[in-house]
């Protein structure tokens, strides 16, 4: 991040990250996009798309890029490892569904990696 940044704000960097990601996804998924009847989609699909693109993706990119310009790389990587943990906690809070036992070793390894990365 620091090598690629030329003084622009994190919001500008986030915008161009989103534009590049959209371009890659358009190239990769153009057939499925062309085959979709967009007018027939229910409103909940549009709300979900808006949430996933703006709230989840753009805010995550913005926060990680903002942090990458101000924190050491190891700390940013450690905080990046927290994203799946937040998803698990969100799933637990909203649906009350705990992850399967097969996921627990991965959670433990993530916690270990996080502790090692945050260690001074």
C-alpha atoms as a PDB file:
ATOM      1  CA  UNK A   1       0.000   0.000   0.000  1.00  0.00           C
ATOM      2  CA  UNK A   2       2.657   2.483   0.980  1.00  0.00           C
ATOM      3  CA  UNK A   3       4.613   1.836  -2.222  1.00  0.00           C
ATOM      4  CA  UNK A   4       1.551   2.292  -4.427  1.00  0.00           C
ATOM      5  CA  UNK A   5       0.150   5.331  -2.633  1.00  0.00           C
ATOM      6  CA  UNK A   6       1.161   8.688  -4.073  1.00  0.00           C
ATOM      7  CA  UNK A   7      -0.504  10.847  -1.456  1.00  0.00           C
ATOM      8  CA  UNK A   8      -4.122  10.228  -2.423  1.00  0.00           C
ATOM      9  CA  UNK A   9      -6.692   9.704   0.309  1.00  0.00           C
ATOM     10  CA  UNK A  10      -7.805   6.204   1.316  1.00  0.00           C
ATOM     11  CA  UNK A  11     -11.251   6.894  -0.167  1.00  0.00           C
ATOM     12  CA  UNK A  12      -9.694   7.510  -3.605  1.00  0.00           C
ATOM     13  CA  UNK A  13      -7.617   4.348  -3.310  1.00  0.00           C
ATOM     14  CA  UNK A  14     -10.774   2.456  -2.298  1.00  0.00           C
ATOM     15  CA  UNK A  15     -12.686   3.848  -5.279  1.00  0.00           C
ATOM     16  CA  UNK A  16     -10.063   2.656  -7.742  1.00  0.00           C
ATOM     17  CA  UNK A  17      -9.812  -0.715  -6.006  1.00  0.00           C
ATOM     18  CA  UNK A  18     -13.576  -1.106  -6.423  1.00  0.00           C
ATOM     19  CA  UNK A  19     -13.401  -0.015 -10.093  1.00  0.00           C
ATOM     20  CA  UNK A  20     -10.626  -2.522 -10.823  1.00  0.00           C
ATOM     21  CA  UNK A  21     -12.480  -5.282  -8.960  1.00  0.00           C
ATOM     22  CA  UNK A  22     -15.647  -4.515 -10.915  1.00  0.00           C
ATOM     23  CA  UNK A  23     -13.744  -4.648 -14.212  1.00  0.00           C
ATOM     24  CA  UNK A  24     -12.220  -8.030 -13.353  1.00  0.00           C
ATOM     25  CA  UNK A  25     -15.583  -9.422 -12.275  1.00  0.00           C
ATOM     26  CA  UNK A  26     -17.267  -8.112 -15.438  1.00  0.00           C
ATOM     27  CA  UNK A  27     -14.690  -9.854 -17.606  1.00  0.00           C
ATOM     28  CA  UNK A  28     -14.997 -13.077 -15.617  1.00  0.00           C
ATOM     29  CA  UNK A  29     -18.783 -13.136 -15.187  1.00  0.00           C
ATOM     30  CA  UNK A  30     -20.153 -11.344 -18.247  1.00  0.00           C
ATOM     31  CA  UNK A  31     -22.082 -14.391 -19.471  1.00  0.00           C
ATOM     32  CA  UNK A  32     -23.951 -14.823 -16.179  1.00  0.00           C
ATOM     33  CA  UNK A  33     -24.605 -11.083 -15.992  1.00  0.00           C
ATOM     34  CA  UNK A  34     -26.006 -11.004 -19.514  1.00  0.00           C
ATOM     35  CA  UNK A  35     -28.216 -14.037 -18.828  1.00  0.00           C
ATOM     36  CA  UNK A  36     -29.741 -12.513 -15.668  1.00  0.00           C
ATOM     37  CA  UNK A  37     -33.168 -10.877 -15.909  1.00  0.00           C
ATOM     38  CA  UNK A  38     -32.303  -7.891 -13.731  1.00  0.00           C
ATOM     39  CA  UNK A  39     -35.780  -6.355 -13.916  1.00  0.00           C
ATOM     40  CA  UNK A  40     -37.379  -9.493 -12.457  1.00  0.00           C
ATOM     41  CA  UNK A  41     -35.208  -9.592  -9.338  1.00  0.00           C
ATOM     42  CA  UNK A  42     -37.064  -8.928  -6.077  1.00  0.00           C
ATOM     43  CA  UNK A  43     -36.277  -5.820  -4.034  1.00  0.00           C
ATOM     44  CA  UNK A  44     -34.432  -7.821  -1.367  1.00  0.00           C
ATOM     45  CA  UNK A  45     -31.831  -8.813  -3.978  1.00  0.00           C
ATOM     46  CA  UNK A  46     -31.182  -5.143  -4.774  1.00  0.00           C
ATOM     47  CA  UNK A  47     -30.950  -4.273  -1.077  1.00  0.00           C
ATOM     48  CA  UNK A  48     -28.536  -7.153  -0.540  1.00  0.00           C
ATOM     49  CA  UNK A  49     -26.401  -6.112  -3.519  1.00  0.00           C
ATOM     50  CA  UNK A  50     -26.262  -2.534  -2.238  1.00  0.00           C
ATOM     51  CA  UNK A  51     -25.267  -3.711   1.242  1.00  0.00           C
ATOM     52  CA  UNK A  52     -22.607  -6.129   0.019  1.00  0.00           C
ATOM     53  CA  UNK A  53     -21.023  -3.634  -2.388  1.00  0.00           C
ATOM     54  CA  UNK A  54     -21.202  -0.483  -0.301  1.00  0.00           C
ATOM     55  CA  UNK A  55     -21.295  -1.449   3.345  1.00  0.00           C
ATOM     56  CA  UNK A  56     -19.340  -4.672   3.394  1.00  0.00           C
ATOM     57  CA  UNK A  57     -16.839  -4.471   0.542  1.00  0.00           C
ATOM     58  CA  UNK A  58     -16.169  -0.748   0.226  1.00  0.00           C
ATOM     59  CA  UNK A  59     -16.012  -0.132   3.967  1.00  0.00           C
ATOM     60  CA  UNK A  60     -13.690  -3.105   4.507  1.00  0.00           C
ATOM     61  CA  UNK A  61     -11.374  -1.940   1.713  1.00  0.00           C
ATOM     62  CA  UNK A  62     -11.445   1.614   3.043  1.00  0.00           C
ATOM     63  CA  UNK A  63     -10.658   0.622   6.621  1.00  0.00           C
ATOM     64  CA  UNK A  64      -7.866  -1.763   5.624  1.00  0.00           C
ATOM     65  CA  UNK A  65      -6.293   0.749   3.250  1.00  0.00           C
ATOM     66  CA  UNK A  66      -6.596   3.546   5.803  1.00  0.00           C
ATOM     67  CA  UNK A  67      -4.921   1.334   8.401  1.00  0.00           C
ATOM     68  CA  UNK A  68      -2.215   0.194   5.969  1.00  0.00           C
ATOM     69  CA  UNK A  69      -1.031   3.781   5.576  1.00  0.00           C
ATOM     70  CA  UNK A  70      -0.811   4.349   9.329  1.00  0.00           C
ATOM     71  CA  UNK A  71       0.083   1.031  10.971  1.00  0.00           C
ATOM     72  CA  UNK A  72       2.948  -1.412  10.544  1.00  0.00           C
ATOM     73  CA  UNK A  73       2.286  -4.119   7.951  1.00  0.00           C
ATOM     74  CA  UNK A  74       2.195  -6.918  10.552  1.00  0.00           C
ATOM     75  CA  UNK A  75      -0.600  -5.205  12.477  1.00  0.00           C
ATOM     76  CA  UNK A  76      -2.647  -4.634   9.321  1.00  0.00           C
ATOM     77  CA  UNK A  77      -2.224  -8.299   8.411  1.00  0.00           C
ATOM     78  CA  UNK A  78      -3.306  -9.269  11.921  1.00  0.00           C
ATOM     79  CA  UNK A  79      -6.437  -7.150  11.682  1.00  0.00           C
ATOM     80  CA  UNK A  80      -7.158  -8.648   8.256  1.00  0.00           C
ATOM     81  CA  UNK A  81      -7.262 -12.044   9.920  1.00  0.00           C
ATOM     82  CA  UNK A  82     -10.088 -10.722  12.102  1.00  0.00           C
ATOM     83  CA  UNK A  83     -12.501 -10.386   9.162  1.00  0.00           C
ATOM     84  CA  UNK A  84     -13.552 -14.075   9.161  1.00  0.00           C
ATOM     85  CA  UNK A  85     -13.922 -13.922  12.947  1.00  0.00           C
ATOM     86  CA  UNK A  86     -16.320 -10.980  12.606  1.00  0.00           C
ATOM     87  CA  UNK A  87     -18.331 -12.942  10.042  1.00  0.00           C
ATOM     88  CA  UNK A  88     -18.579 -15.885  12.431  1.00  0.00           C
ATOM     89  CA  UNK A  89     -19.614 -13.596  15.308  1.00  0.00           C
ATOM     90  CA  UNK A  90     -22.167 -11.837  13.086  1.00  0.00           C
ATOM     91  CA  UNK A  91     -23.616 -15.194  12.026  1.00  0.00           C
ATOM     92  CA  UNK A  92     -23.782 -16.256  15.670  1.00  0.00           C
ATOM     93  CA  UNK A  93     -25.495 -13.011  16.721  1.00  0.00           C
ATOM     94  CA  UNK A  94     -28.007 -12.852  13.869  1.00  0.00           C
ATOM     95  CA  UNK A  95     -28.853 -16.505  13.335  1.00  0.00           C
ATOM     96  CA  UNK A  96     -27.624 -18.106  16.544  1.00  0.00           C
ATOM     97  CA  UNK A  97     -25.764 -20.659  14.449  1.00  0.00           C
ATOM     98  CA  UNK A  98     -22.350 -21.673  15.686  1.00  0.00           C
ATOM     99  CA  UNK A  99     -19.803 -22.790  13.094  1.00  0.00           C
ATOM    100  CA  UNK A 100     -19.251 -26.527  12.646  1.00  0.00           C
ATOM    101  CA  UNK A 101     -16.604 -28.174  14.823  1.00  0.00           C
ATOM    102  CA  UNK A 102     -14.407 -28.562  11.731  1.00  0.00           C
ATOM    103  CA  UNK A 103     -13.969 -24.769  11.699  1.00  0.00           C
ATOM    104  CA  UNK A 104     -12.687 -24.554  15.288  1.00  0.00           C
ATOM    105  CA  UNK A 105      -9.073 -25.594  14.502  1.00  0.00           C
ATOM    106  CA  UNK A 106      -8.981 -22.822  11.900  1.00  0.00           C
ATOM    107  CA  UNK A 107     -10.275 -20.329  14.456  1.00  0.00           C
ATOM    108  CA  UNK A 108      -7.602 -21.466  16.916  1.00  0.00           C
ATOM    109  CA  UNK A 109      -4.853 -21.104  14.290  1.00  0.00           C
ATOM    110  CA  UNK A 110      -6.154 -17.662  13.359  1.00  0.00           C
ATOM    111  CA  UNK A 111      -6.042 -16.599  17.020  1.00  0.00           C
ATOM    112  CA  UNK A 112      -2.490 -17.931  17.302  1.00  0.00           C
ATOM    113  CA  UNK A 113      -1.397 -16.100  14.147  1.00  0.00           C
ATOM    114  CA  UNK A 114      -3.069 -12.935  15.398  1.00  0.00           C
ATOM    115  CA  UNK A 115      -1.266 -13.171  18.752  1.00  0.00           C
ATOM    116  CA  UNK A 116       2.081 -13.709  16.989  1.00  0.00           C
ATOM    117  CA  UNK A 117       1.551 -10.795  14.618  1.00  0.00           C
ATOM    118  CA  UNK A 118       0.473  -8.402  17.377  1.00  0.00           C
ATOM    119  CA  UNK A 119       3.336  -9.429  19.666  1.00  0.00           C
ATOM    120  CA  UNK A 120       5.908  -6.673  20.033  1.00  0.00           C
END
